[in-house]
Amino acid sequence: MKMTKLAVVRFSALGDVLLLWPVMCRVAQEYPEMRITFFTRNTFEAHLPAHPSIQVVGLDIAGVYRNPMALNLFFYGWIRSHNPVAWVDAHAHLRSRIGTLIAGLLGARIGRLNKHREERRAFLRKRIGSLRPVQTLYAEAFEQAGLPVTWPNSEPLDERRPSRVMILAPFSAQKSKSMRLTLAESIAQRWIQQGGQVVLMASVAEALQWGGPEVIQPAIEEELGFWQTAAVALVTDSANQHLAALHGTPSVTLWMGTSPQAGFAPHQHSLHRDLMPSQLACFPCSIYGKPTCIRTDFACKNHSEEEIWQAIQEVAAVAPNSFF
């Protein structure tokens, strides 16, 4: 079988990269003759599982390749030496557009992510009720490059071994997507009182805000093992939501300023619940999250602790007779 090369580009954010990854894996499955090179940020490499047909090339966008000219010279050299048959721009950003132009001029079939910004504006103005999943838009970009795939795929759920570990990820880069810490701490306390362990997924700065019970704070190289074995994850609309989906971790997602109907909810391969605020005319207030609230009180964060606990009970893969 003659091997051919496909290049895919997506630099940010981590959640978007994690949404793209399962679609790329589907392309690799349906086109076994393809060898995929995926260009992304070097800081994201540790979060992506190994795949025999996908080579992840992490580029230092904040340092060595901060200058667009340096990045474009790199792309030109890579394209000339590797001759990809197709190039998928899954970012549609200035950093990726010039490389896409070069690839097209040198003969590669091109696919570009269409973000449908006009539809997103209509959604926020409550003129339409939902947006197409962004993973479907990624699949359309591959189809544009001559690589149509079956998406979403309908693979059976993997059986999860019972566990006593809960992953808790209450933080987000945007304030409108961050869980109230008092609520997160209370949920952690309830899980621990049942005999479980809590793993806090947080940056060093975020972890300093934690005032709840004692939790495990893993190093980045330890995170993968927890995602693969945890009984459940309580997450927000952040990269952690997509890590849970990627690893088949049963999960509960709290939506606050953003909505799963905006297209950024992952295609789930595990037991999962979405919890959203009710009776808020301003919900959702944005597609990606915001640092401010038009009401000033962030009422979208007022999720019921009992509703969250019930959702955790419904999806968690726990040891028999040990919990609930």
Protein backbone atom coordinates (compact mmCIF):
# COMPACT_ATOMS: atom_id res chain seq x y z
CA MET A 1 0.00 0.00 0.00
CA LYS A 2 1.46 3.37 -1.03
CA MET A 3 1.53 5.81 1.88
CA THR A 4 0.41 9.41 1.34
CA LYS A 5 0.70 12.43 3.60
CA LEU A 6 -1.94 14.71 5.05
CA ALA A 7 -1.20 17.86 7.09
CA VAL A 8 -3.66 19.28 9.63
CA VAL A 9 -3.23 22.60 11.45
CA ARG A 10 -4.89 23.79 14.68
CA PHE A 11 -3.05 25.93 17.24
CA SER A 12 -5.68 26.85 19.81
CA ALA A 13 -7.37 26.47 22.09
CA LEU A 14 -6.73 23.14 23.83
CA GLY A 15 -10.46 22.35 23.93
CA ASP A 16 -10.72 22.88 20.17
CA VAL A 17 -7.69 20.68 19.56
CA LEU A 18 -9.27 17.93 21.67
CA LEU A 19 -12.51 18.27 19.69
CA LEU A 20 -10.54 17.90 16.46
CA TRP A 21 -8.56 14.85 17.60
CA PRO A 22 -11.37 12.21 17.36
CA VAL A 23 -12.26 13.44 13.86
CA MET A 24 -8.62 13.07 12.82
CA CYS A 25 -8.56 9.58 14.31
CA ARG A 26 -11.62 8.75 12.23
CA VAL A 27 -9.83 9.97 9.10
CA ALA A 28 -6.86 7.75 10.00
CA GLN A 29 -9.20 4.78 10.44
CA GLU A 30 -11.04 5.25 7.15
CA TYR A 31 -7.90 6.10 5.14
CA PRO A 32 -5.22 3.67 6.41
CA GLU A 33 -2.87 4.70 3.61
CA MET A 34 -2.69 8.21 5.10
CA ARG A 35 0.04 9.38 7.44
CA ILE A 36 -1.18 12.49 9.21
CA THR A 37 1.08 15.27 10.50
CA PHE A 38 -0.76 17.45 13.01
CA PHE A 39 0.68 20.90 13.70
CA THR A 40 -0.36 22.41 17.02
CA ARG A 41 1.14 24.18 20.04
CA ASN A 42 4.02 22.38 21.73
CA THR A 43 2.27 22.80 25.11
CA PHE A 44 -0.64 20.64 23.90
CA GLU A 45 1.39 17.55 22.98
CA ALA A 46 1.23 16.01 26.46
CA HIS A 47 -2.59 15.96 26.36
CA LEU A 48 -2.86 13.98 23.12
CA PRO A 49 -2.74 10.17 23.15
CA ALA A 50 -0.35 8.31 20.86
CA HIS A 51 -1.72 7.19 17.50
CA PRO A 52 0.23 5.05 15.02
CA SER A 53 -0.92 7.07 12.00
CA ILE A 54 -0.72 10.59 13.48
CA GLN A 55 2.51 12.46 14.13
CA VAL A 56 2.02 15.46 16.41
CA VAL A 57 4.40 18.33 15.69
CA GLY A 58 4.32 20.86 18.52
CA LEU A 59 5.43 24.33 17.49
CA ASP A 60 6.49 27.02 19.96
CA ILE A 61 4.05 29.70 18.80
CA ALA A 62 4.83 31.88 21.82
CA GLY A 63 8.58 31.81 21.18
CA VAL A 64 10.47 30.49 18.16
CA TYR A 65 7.51 30.81 15.78
CA ARG A 66 5.86 33.89 17.28
CA ASN A 67 6.86 35.85 14.20
CA PRO A 68 4.47 34.85 11.37
CA MET A 69 7.33 35.02 8.87
CA ALA A 70 9.29 32.36 10.79
CA LEU A 71 6.21 30.13 10.92
CA ASN A 72 5.51 30.52 7.21
CA LEU A 73 9.12 29.76 6.30
CA PHE A 74 8.85 26.58 8.37
CA PHE A 75 5.64 25.59 6.59
CA TYR A 76 7.18 26.28 3.18
CA GLY A 77 10.17 24.08 3.94
CA TRP A 78 8.02 21.29 5.39
CA ILE A 79 5.59 21.28 2.45
CA ARG A 80 8.44 21.27 -0.11
CA SER A 81 10.15 18.32 1.59
CA HIS A 82 7.06 16.21 2.42
CA ASN A 83 4.68 16.93 -0.51
CA PRO A 84 1.37 16.33 1.31
CA VAL A 85 -1.53 15.36 -0.95
CA ALA A 86 -3.93 17.30 1.27
CA TRP A 87 -3.81 20.13 3.81
CA VAL A 88 -6.61 20.84 6.27
CA ASP A 89 -6.72 24.25 7.92
CA ALA A 90 -8.79 23.46 11.01
CA HIS A 91 -8.02 26.84 12.56
CA ALA A 92 -8.90 29.45 9.91
CA HIS A 93 -6.62 31.99 11.57
CA LEU A 94 -3.87 34.26 10.30
CA ARG A 95 -1.27 31.80 11.62
CA SER A 96 -2.65 29.01 9.46
CA ARG A 97 -3.87 30.85 6.36
CA ILE A 98 -0.50 31.58 4.78
CA GLY A 99 0.61 27.97 5.21
CA THR A 100 -2.67 26.91 3.62
CA LEU A 101 -2.04 29.22 0.67
CA ILE A 102 1.47 27.82 0.22
CA ALA A 103 0.17 24.23 0.36
CA GLY A 104 -2.45 25.00 -2.29
CA LEU A 105 0.07 26.67 -4.58
CA LEU A 106 2.32 23.62 -4.28
CA GLY A 107 -0.48 21.27 -5.33
CA ALA A 108 -2.13 20.00 -2.12
CA ARG A 109 -5.88 19.56 -1.91
CA ILE A 110 -7.15 22.13 0.59
CA GLY A 111 -9.84 21.92 3.26
CA ARG A 112 -10.74 24.89 5.45
CA LEU A 113 -12.81 25.14 8.61
CA ASN A 114 -15.90 27.28 8.04
CA LYS A 115 -16.79 28.91 11.36
CA HIS A 116 -20.20 30.18 10.16
CA ARG A 117 -19.88 33.37 12.18
CA GLU A 118 -23.21 34.72 10.94
CA GLU A 119 -24.99 31.69 12.39
CA ARG A 120 -23.20 32.17 15.71
CA ARG A 121 -24.40 35.76 15.87
CA ALA A 122 -27.94 34.65 15.10
CA PHE A 123 -27.73 32.03 17.86
CA LEU A 124 -26.69 34.58 20.49
CA ARG A 125 -29.55 36.84 19.38
CA LYS A 126 -31.92 33.88 19.97
CA ARG A 127 -32.92 33.79 16.29
CA ILE A 128 -31.93 30.13 15.92
CA GLY A 129 -32.03 27.46 18.60
CA SER A 130 -28.79 25.58 17.98
CA LEU A 131 -25.62 25.44 15.92
CA ARG A 132 -24.05 22.53 14.11
CA PRO A 133 -21.45 20.67 16.18
CA VAL A 134 -17.96 21.99 15.46
CA GLN A 135 -16.78 18.39 15.03
CA THR A 136 -19.17 18.16 12.07
CA LEU A 137 -17.56 21.32 10.67
CA TYR A 138 -14.13 19.70 11.06
CA ALA A 139 -15.41 16.65 9.17
CA GLU A 140 -16.65 18.95 6.40
CA ALA A 141 -13.17 20.49 6.14
CA PHE A 142 -11.68 17.03 5.59
CA GLU A 143 -14.35 16.32 2.97
CA GLN A 144 -13.43 19.55 1.20
CA ALA A 145 -9.86 18.22 1.03
CA GLY A 146 -11.14 15.03 -0.65
CA LEU A 147 -11.36 12.93 2.52
CA PRO A 148 -15.02 12.43 3.46
CA VAL A 149 -15.52 10.53 6.72
CA THR A 150 -18.40 9.00 8.66
CA TRP A 151 -19.14 11.40 11.49
CA PRO A 152 -20.33 11.18 14.15
CA ASN A 153 -19.21 7.61 14.56
CA SER A 154 -21.27 5.23 16.64
CA GLU A 155 -18.72 3.03 18.38
CA PRO A 156 -19.95 1.08 21.44
CA LEU A 157 -19.01 2.36 24.87
CA ASP A 158 -16.01 0.75 26.49
CA GLU A 159 -16.77 -0.99 29.77
CA ARG A 160 -15.43 1.06 32.67
CA ARG A 161 -13.84 -0.62 35.67
CA PRO A 162 -15.29 0.58 39.00
CA SER A 163 -13.26 3.25 40.73
CA ARG A 164 -13.31 5.46 43.84
CA VAL A 165 -11.72 8.46 42.09
CA MET A 166 -13.59 11.57 41.00
CA ILE A 167 -11.92 14.15 38.79
CA LEU A 168 -12.96 17.70 39.67
CA ALA A 169 -12.23 20.50 37.20
CA PRO A 170 -14.04 23.66 38.35
CA PHE A 171 -11.82 26.21 36.60
CA SER A 172 -11.84 27.86 33.18
CA ALA A 173 -9.92 30.68 31.52
CA GLN A 174 -13.21 32.61 31.29
CA LYS A 175 -15.06 33.67 34.42
CA SER A 176 -18.46 32.93 32.89
CA LYS A 177 -17.44 29.25 32.52
CA SER A 178 -15.89 28.73 35.98
CA MET A 179 -17.74 26.86 38.72
CA ARG A 180 -18.32 28.53 42.08
CA LEU A 181 -15.51 27.21 44.29
CA THR A 182 -17.72 26.89 47.37
CA LEU A 183 -19.96 24.54 45.40
CA ALA A 184 -16.99 22.55 44.06
CA GLU A 185 -15.54 22.22 47.55
CA SER A 186 -18.87 20.97 48.91
CA ILE A 187 -19.16 18.31 46.18
CA ALA A 188 -15.57 17.23 46.85
CA GLN A 189 -16.34 16.90 50.56
CA ARG A 190 -19.39 14.71 49.86
CA TRP A 191 -17.39 12.38 47.60
CA ILE A 192 -14.62 12.03 50.17
CA GLN A 193 -17.14 11.34 52.93
CA GLN A 194 -18.37 8.41 50.81
CA GLY A 195 -14.86 6.95 50.91
CA GLY A 196 -13.60 8.31 47.60
CA GLN A 197 -10.62 10.34 46.40
CA VAL A 198 -10.78 13.62 44.51
CA VAL A 199 -8.31 14.64 41.82
CA LEU A 200 -8.23 18.40 41.19
CA MET A 201 -7.36 19.35 37.62
CA ALA A 202 -5.98 22.87 37.89
CA SER A 203 -3.01 25.05 37.06
CA VAL A 204 -0.65 26.05 39.85
CA ALA A 205 -2.33 29.47 40.12
CA GLU A 206 -5.81 27.94 40.14
CA ALA A 207 -4.89 25.36 42.78
CA LEU A 208 -3.87 28.18 45.14
CA GLN A 209 -7.53 29.25 45.23
CA TRP A 210 -8.66 25.86 46.54
CA GLY A 211 -9.93 26.02 50.12
CA GLY A 212 -11.78 22.73 50.34
CA PRO A 213 -10.81 19.26 51.60
CA GLU A 214 -7.50 17.62 50.80
CA VAL A 215 -7.33 16.55 47.15
CA ILE A 216 -4.80 15.00 44.76
CA GLN A 217 -3.11 17.56 42.50
CA PRO A 218 -1.42 15.52 39.75
CA ALA A 219 1.60 16.44 37.70
CA ILE A 220 0.85 16.73 33.99
CA GLU A 221 2.43 13.33 33.27
CA GLU A 222 0.07 11.73 35.82
CA GLU A 223 -3.15 13.20 34.42
CA LEU A 224 -3.63 10.62 31.66
CA GLY A 225 -3.81 7.74 34.13
CA PHE A 226 -6.53 9.47 36.15
CA TRP A 227 -8.63 10.24 33.06
CA GLN A 228 -8.44 6.61 32.02
CA THR A 229 -9.46 5.18 35.39
CA ALA A 230 -11.65 7.72 37.24
CA ALA A 231 -15.22 6.79 38.13
CA VAL A 232 -16.55 10.20 37.07
CA ALA A 233 -15.47 13.74 36.22
CA LEU A 234 -17.27 16.93 37.20
CA VAL A 235 -16.18 19.54 34.65
CA THR A 236 -17.12 22.87 33.15
CA ASP A 237 -17.24 23.89 29.49
CA SER A 238 -13.46 23.79 29.19
CA ALA A 239 -10.69 21.59 27.85
CA ASN A 240 -11.40 19.15 30.70
CA GLN A 241 -14.84 18.43 29.26
CA HIS A 242 -13.18 17.32 26.05
CA LEU A 243 -10.52 15.28 27.86
CA ALA A 244 -13.32 13.39 29.61
CA ALA A 245 -14.97 12.63 26.26
CA LEU A 246 -11.66 11.70 24.64
CA HIS A 247 -10.88 9.13 27.34
CA GLY A 248 -14.42 7.81 27.79
CA THR A 249 -14.63 9.12 31.36
CA PRO A 250 -18.21 9.26 32.71
CA SER A 251 -18.84 12.95 33.23
CA VAL A 252 -21.14 15.74 34.31
CA THR A 253 -20.65 19.11 32.58
CA LEU A 254 -21.82 22.35 34.17
CA TRP A 255 -22.80 24.93 31.55
CA MET A 256 -23.00 28.53 32.73
CA GLY A 257 -22.40 31.42 30.32
CA THR A 258 -22.12 29.05 27.34
CA SER A 259 -24.41 26.36 25.97
CA PRO A 260 -23.99 22.87 24.50
CA GLN A 261 -26.33 24.04 21.74
CA ALA A 262 -23.58 26.38 20.49
CA GLY A 263 -21.77 23.46 18.84
CA PHE A 264 -18.81 23.01 21.18
CA ALA A 265 -20.08 20.06 23.18
CA PRO A 266 -18.06 16.92 22.38
CA HIS A 267 -19.52 13.85 20.74
CA GLN A 268 -19.75 11.65 23.83
CA HIS A 269 -18.38 8.12 23.97
CA SER A 270 -19.29 7.67 27.62
CA LEU A 271 -22.05 8.14 30.14
CA HIS A 272 -22.64 11.86 30.41
CA ARG A 273 -24.97 14.56 31.71
CA ASP A 274 -25.19 18.24 30.74
CA LEU A 275 -26.54 20.61 33.42
CA MET A 276 -27.67 24.07 32.33
CA PRO A 277 -29.15 27.10 34.10
CA SER A 278 -32.90 27.49 33.79
CA GLN A 279 -35.16 30.51 33.44
CA LEU A 280 -32.38 32.92 32.52
CA ALA A 281 -33.23 35.11 29.54
CA CYS A 282 -29.54 35.99 29.05
CA PHE A 283 -28.41 32.35 28.74
CA PRO A 284 -26.20 31.78 26.87
CA CYS A 285 -24.39 35.10 26.81
CA SER A 286 -21.50 34.01 24.56
CA ILE A 287 -20.07 31.24 22.41
CA TYR A 288 -16.62 31.00 24.02
CA GLY A 289 -17.13 32.51 27.48
CA LYS A 290 -16.70 36.03 28.89
CA PRO A 291 -14.91 37.70 31.81
CA THR A 292 -17.96 39.82 32.68
CA CYS A 293 -21.70 39.42 33.32
CA ILE A 294 -24.37 41.78 32.01
CA ARG A 295 -26.34 41.14 35.21
CA THR A 296 -23.14 41.47 37.29
CA ASP A 297 -24.17 38.53 39.54
CA PHE A 298 -23.29 35.54 37.30
CA ALA A 299 -26.64 33.92 38.10
CA CYS A 300 -25.80 31.20 35.57
CA LYS A 301 -23.39 29.75 38.14
CA ASN A 302 -26.16 29.01 40.65
CA HIS A 303 -26.39 25.28 39.96
CA SER A 304 -28.12 23.13 42.55
CA GLU A 305 -25.76 20.98 44.59
CA GLU A 306 -28.39 18.26 44.85
CA GLU A 307 -28.93 18.23 41.08
CA ILE A 308 -25.19 17.89 40.53
CA TRP A 309 -24.89 15.10 43.09
CA GLN A 310 -27.80 13.21 41.51
CA ALA A 311 -26.19 13.51 38.06
CA ILE A 312 -22.90 12.19 39.46
CA GLN A 313 -24.73 9.21 40.94
CA GLU A 314 -26.39 8.47 37.60
CA VAL A 315 -23.20 8.29 35.54
CA ALA A 316 -20.40 7.29 37.93
CA ALA A 317 -18.71 3.91 37.47
CA VAL A 318 -18.28 3.12 41.17
CA ALA A 319 -17.43 -0.05 43.04
CA PRO A 320 -20.54 -2.07 44.03
CA ASN A 321 -21.89 -1.34 47.51
CA SER A 322 -19.21 1.25 48.20
CA PHE A 323 -20.99 4.43 47.14
CA PHE A 324 -24.49 5.90 47.16
